[in-house]
C-alpha atoms as a PDB file:
ATOM      1  CA  MET A   1     -22.820 -22.019 -67.868  1.00  0.00           C
ATOM      2  CA  LYS A   2     -22.282 -25.381 -69.132  1.00  0.00           C
ATOM      3  CA  ALA A   3     -24.114 -28.305 -67.524  1.00  0.00           C
ATOM      4  CA  ASP A   4     -22.415 -31.169 -65.727  1.00  0.00           C
ATOM      5  CA  ILE A   5     -18.909 -29.581 -65.455  1.00  0.00           C
ATOM      6  CA  HIS A   6     -19.034 -28.151 -62.093  1.00  0.00           C
ATOM      7  CA  PRO A   7     -18.023 -30.509 -59.083  1.00  0.00           C
ATOM      8  CA  ASP A   8     -20.540 -31.421 -56.438  1.00  0.00           C
ATOM      9  CA  TYR A   9     -20.821 -28.674 -53.675  1.00  0.00           C
ATOM     10  CA  HIS A  10     -22.034 -29.828 -50.199  1.00  0.00           C
ATOM     11  CA  THR A  11     -21.555 -29.572 -46.576  1.00  0.00           C
ATOM     12  CA  ILE A  12     -18.876 -31.456 -44.543  1.00  0.00           C
ATOM     13  CA  LYS A  13     -17.785 -31.379 -40.895  1.00  0.00           C
ATOM     14  CA  VAL A  14     -14.214 -30.357 -40.197  1.00  0.00           C
ATOM     15  CA  VAL A  15     -12.401 -31.574 -36.834  1.00  0.00           C
ATOM     16  CA  MET A  16      -9.482 -29.590 -35.950  1.00  0.00           C
ATOM     17  CA  THR A  17      -6.528 -30.978 -33.911  1.00  0.00           C
ATOM     18  CA  ASP A  18      -7.877 -29.833 -30.601  1.00  0.00           C
ATOM     19  CA  GLY A  19     -11.323 -31.758 -31.353  1.00  0.00           C
ATOM     20  CA  SER A  20     -13.520 -28.562 -32.204  1.00  0.00           C
ATOM     21  CA  GLU A  21     -15.477 -28.887 -35.059  1.00  0.00           C
ATOM     22  CA  PHE A  22     -17.411 -26.879 -37.708  1.00  0.00           C
ATOM     23  CA  ILE A  23     -19.294 -27.241 -40.792  1.00  0.00           C
ATOM     24  CA  THR A  24     -18.602 -26.119 -44.171  1.00  0.00           C
ATOM     25  CA  ARG A  25     -19.409 -26.266 -47.777  1.00  0.00           C
ATOM     26  CA  SER A  26     -16.627 -28.069 -49.891  1.00  0.00           C
ATOM     27  CA  THR A  27     -16.215 -30.146 -52.898  1.00  0.00           C
ATOM     28  CA  TRP A  28     -14.122 -32.585 -50.758  1.00  0.00           C
ATOM     29  CA  GLY A  29     -15.527 -36.160 -50.080  1.00  0.00           C
ATOM     30  CA  LYS A  30     -19.342 -36.430 -50.284  1.00  0.00           C
ATOM     31  CA  GLU A  31     -22.397 -35.284 -48.290  1.00  0.00           C
ATOM     32  CA  GLY A  32     -21.961 -35.637 -44.521  1.00  0.00           C
ATOM     33  CA  ASP A  33     -18.226 -36.739 -44.568  1.00  0.00           C
ATOM     34  CA  VAL A  34     -15.871 -35.612 -41.966  1.00  0.00           C
ATOM     35  CA  LEU A  35     -12.397 -34.375 -42.575  1.00  0.00           C
ATOM     36  CA  ASN A  36      -9.891 -34.850 -39.863  1.00  0.00           C
ATOM     37  CA  LEU A  37      -7.229 -32.100 -39.955  1.00  0.00           C
ATOM     38  CA  ASP A  38      -3.759 -33.241 -39.042  1.00  0.00           C
ATOM     39  CA  ILE A  39      -2.176 -29.646 -39.187  1.00  0.00           C
ATOM     40  CA  ASP A  40      -4.366 -26.458 -38.552  1.00  0.00           C
ATOM     41  CA  PRO A  41      -3.767 -22.969 -37.578  1.00  0.00           C
ATOM     42  CA  LYS A  42      -4.069 -23.588 -34.033  1.00  0.00           C
ATOM     43  CA  SER A  43      -1.079 -25.986 -34.056  1.00  0.00           C
ATOM     44  CA  HIS A  44       1.159 -25.376 -37.044  1.00  0.00           C
ATOM     45  CA  PRO A  45       4.296 -23.290 -36.218  1.00  0.00           C
ATOM     46  CA  ALA A  46       3.842 -21.024 -39.191  1.00  0.00           C
ATOM     47  CA  TRP A  47       0.599 -19.669 -37.466  1.00  0.00           C
ATOM     48  CA  THR A  48       1.558 -20.045 -33.935  1.00  0.00           C
ATOM     49  CA  GLY A  49       5.309 -18.700 -34.015  1.00  0.00           C
ATOM     50  CA  GLY A  50       6.306 -21.916 -32.815  1.00  0.00           C
ATOM     51  CA  THR A  51      10.070 -22.545 -32.160  1.00  0.00           C
ATOM     52  CA  GLN A  52      10.002 -26.175 -33.720  1.00  0.00           C
ATOM     53  CA  GLN A  53      13.151 -27.368 -35.023  1.00  0.00           C
ATOM     54  CA  LEU A  54      13.418 -28.839 -38.396  1.00  0.00           C
ATOM     55  CA  MET A  55      14.850 -32.444 -38.595  1.00  0.00           C
ATOM     56  CA  ASP A  56      18.093 -32.134 -40.638  1.00  0.00           C
ATOM     57  CA  ARG A  57      17.831 -35.314 -42.933  1.00  0.00           C
ATOM     58  CA  GLY A  58      21.201 -36.002 -44.747  1.00  0.00           C
ATOM     59  CA  GLY A  59      22.429 -32.427 -43.737  1.00  0.00           C
ATOM     60  CA  ARG A  60      20.097 -30.582 -46.121  1.00  0.00           C
ATOM     61  CA  VAL A  61      18.989 -28.018 -43.484  1.00  0.00           C
ATOM     62  CA  SER A  62      22.530 -27.180 -42.294  1.00  0.00           C
ATOM     63  CA  ARG A  63      24.027 -27.046 -45.996  1.00  0.00           C
ATOM     64  CA  PHE A  64      20.980 -24.600 -46.789  1.00  0.00           C
ATOM     65  CA  GLN A  65      21.675 -22.531 -43.750  1.00  0.00           C
ATOM     66  CA  LYS A  66      25.391 -22.502 -44.491  1.00  0.00           C
ATOM     67  CA  LYS A  67      24.975 -21.408 -47.925  1.00  0.00           C
ATOM     68  CA  PHE A  68      22.233 -18.601 -47.213  1.00  0.00           C
ATOM     69  CA  SER A  69      23.017 -17.474 -43.636  1.00  0.00           C
ATOM     70  CA  GLY A  70      24.365 -14.122 -44.823  1.00  0.00           C
ATOM     71  CA  LEU A  71      21.162 -13.174 -46.688  1.00  0.00           C
ATOM     72  CA  GLY A  72      18.231 -11.022 -45.412  1.00  0.00           C
ATOM     73  CA  LEU A  73      18.313  -8.127 -42.721  1.00  0.00           C
ATOM     74  CA  GLY A  74      19.804  -9.089 -39.441  1.00  0.00           C
ATOM     75  CA  GLY A  75      20.842 -12.419 -40.576  1.00  0.00           C
ATOM     76  CA  LYS A  76      23.821 -14.536 -39.086  1.00  0.00           C
ATOM     77  CA  LYS A  77      26.890 -13.676 -40.970  1.00  0.00           C
END
Protein backbone atom coordinates (compact mmCIF):
# COMPACT_ATOMS: atom_id res chain seq x y z
CA MET A 1 0.00 0.00 0.00
CA LYS A 2 1.04 3.57 -0.56
CA ALA A 3 2.00 5.47 2.56
CA ASP A 4 0.10 8.56 3.76
CA ILE A 5 -2.92 8.26 1.44
CA HIS A 6 -5.41 6.68 3.87
CA PRO A 7 -7.54 8.71 6.29
CA ASP A 8 -7.03 8.39 10.04
CA TYR A 9 -9.20 5.55 11.39
CA HIS A 10 -10.01 5.99 15.10
CA THR A 11 -12.73 5.44 17.74
CA ILE A 12 -15.66 7.84 18.23
CA LYS A 13 -18.82 7.77 20.36
CA VAL A 14 -22.19 7.82 18.56
CA VAL A 15 -25.24 9.12 20.46
CA MET A 16 -28.62 8.01 19.10
CA THR A 17 -31.79 10.16 19.23
CA ASP A 18 -33.05 8.32 22.33
CA GLY A 19 -29.80 8.99 24.21
CA SER A 20 -28.28 5.52 23.88
CA GLU A 21 -24.58 5.48 23.00
CA PHE A 22 -22.06 3.17 21.40
CA ILE A 23 -18.40 3.28 20.46
CA THR A 24 -17.33 2.59 16.88
CA ARG A 25 -14.38 3.16 14.59
CA SER A 26 -14.66 5.83 11.91
CA THR A 27 -12.80 8.36 9.77
CA TRP A 28 -15.27 11.08 10.92
CA GLY A 29 -13.87 13.75 13.26
CA LYS A 30 -10.91 12.94 15.45
CA GLU A 31 -10.17 10.47 18.26
CA GLY A 32 -12.76 10.70 21.05
CA ASP A 33 -15.25 12.99 19.24
CA VAL A 34 -18.99 12.54 19.86
CA LEU A 35 -21.37 12.21 16.88
CA ASN A 36 -24.95 13.19 17.85
CA LEU A 37 -27.46 11.77 15.38
CA ASP A 38 -30.57 13.73 14.34
CA ILE A 39 -32.11 10.75 12.55
CA ASP A 40 -31.40 7.08 13.22
CA PRO A 41 -33.08 3.68 12.65
CA LYS A 42 -35.04 4.07 15.92
CA SER A 43 -36.77 7.28 14.82
CA HIS A 44 -36.79 7.42 11.00
CA PRO A 45 -40.08 6.38 9.33
CA ALA A 46 -38.23 4.36 6.68
CA TRP A 47 -37.26 1.86 9.40
CA THR A 48 -40.14 2.29 11.85
CA GLY A 49 -42.93 2.12 9.27
CA GLY A 50 -44.28 5.42 10.52
CA THR A 51 -47.14 7.28 8.93
CA GLN A 52 -45.43 10.66 8.94
CA GLN A 53 -46.91 13.03 6.38
CA LEU A 54 -44.71 14.87 3.90
CA MET A 55 -44.85 18.65 3.91
CA ASP A 56 -46.17 19.81 0.57
CA ARG A 57 -44.09 22.85 -0.29
CA GLY A 58 -45.28 24.55 -3.44
CA GLY A 59 -47.55 21.61 -4.37
CA ARG A 60 -44.64 19.37 -5.38
CA VAL A 61 -45.85 16.33 -3.46
CA SER A 62 -49.44 16.65 -4.68
CA ARG A 63 -48.26 17.09 -8.30
CA PHE A 64 -46.06 14.00 -7.97
CA GLN A 65 -48.89 11.94 -6.46
CA LYS A 66 -51.31 13.10 -9.15
CA LYS A 67 -48.86 12.30 -11.96
CA PHE A 68 -47.79 8.87 -10.70
CA SER A 69 -50.87 7.70 -8.77
CA GLY A 70 -51.68 4.92 -11.25
CA LEU A 71 -48.25 3.28 -11.19
CA GLY A 72 -47.43 0.18 -9.19
CA LEU A 73 -49.44 -2.70 -7.81
CA GLY A 74 -52.52 -1.77 -5.83
CA GLY A 75 -52.00 1.94 -6.34
CA LYS A 76 -54.87 4.41 -6.47
CA LYS A 77 -56.26 5.01 -9.93
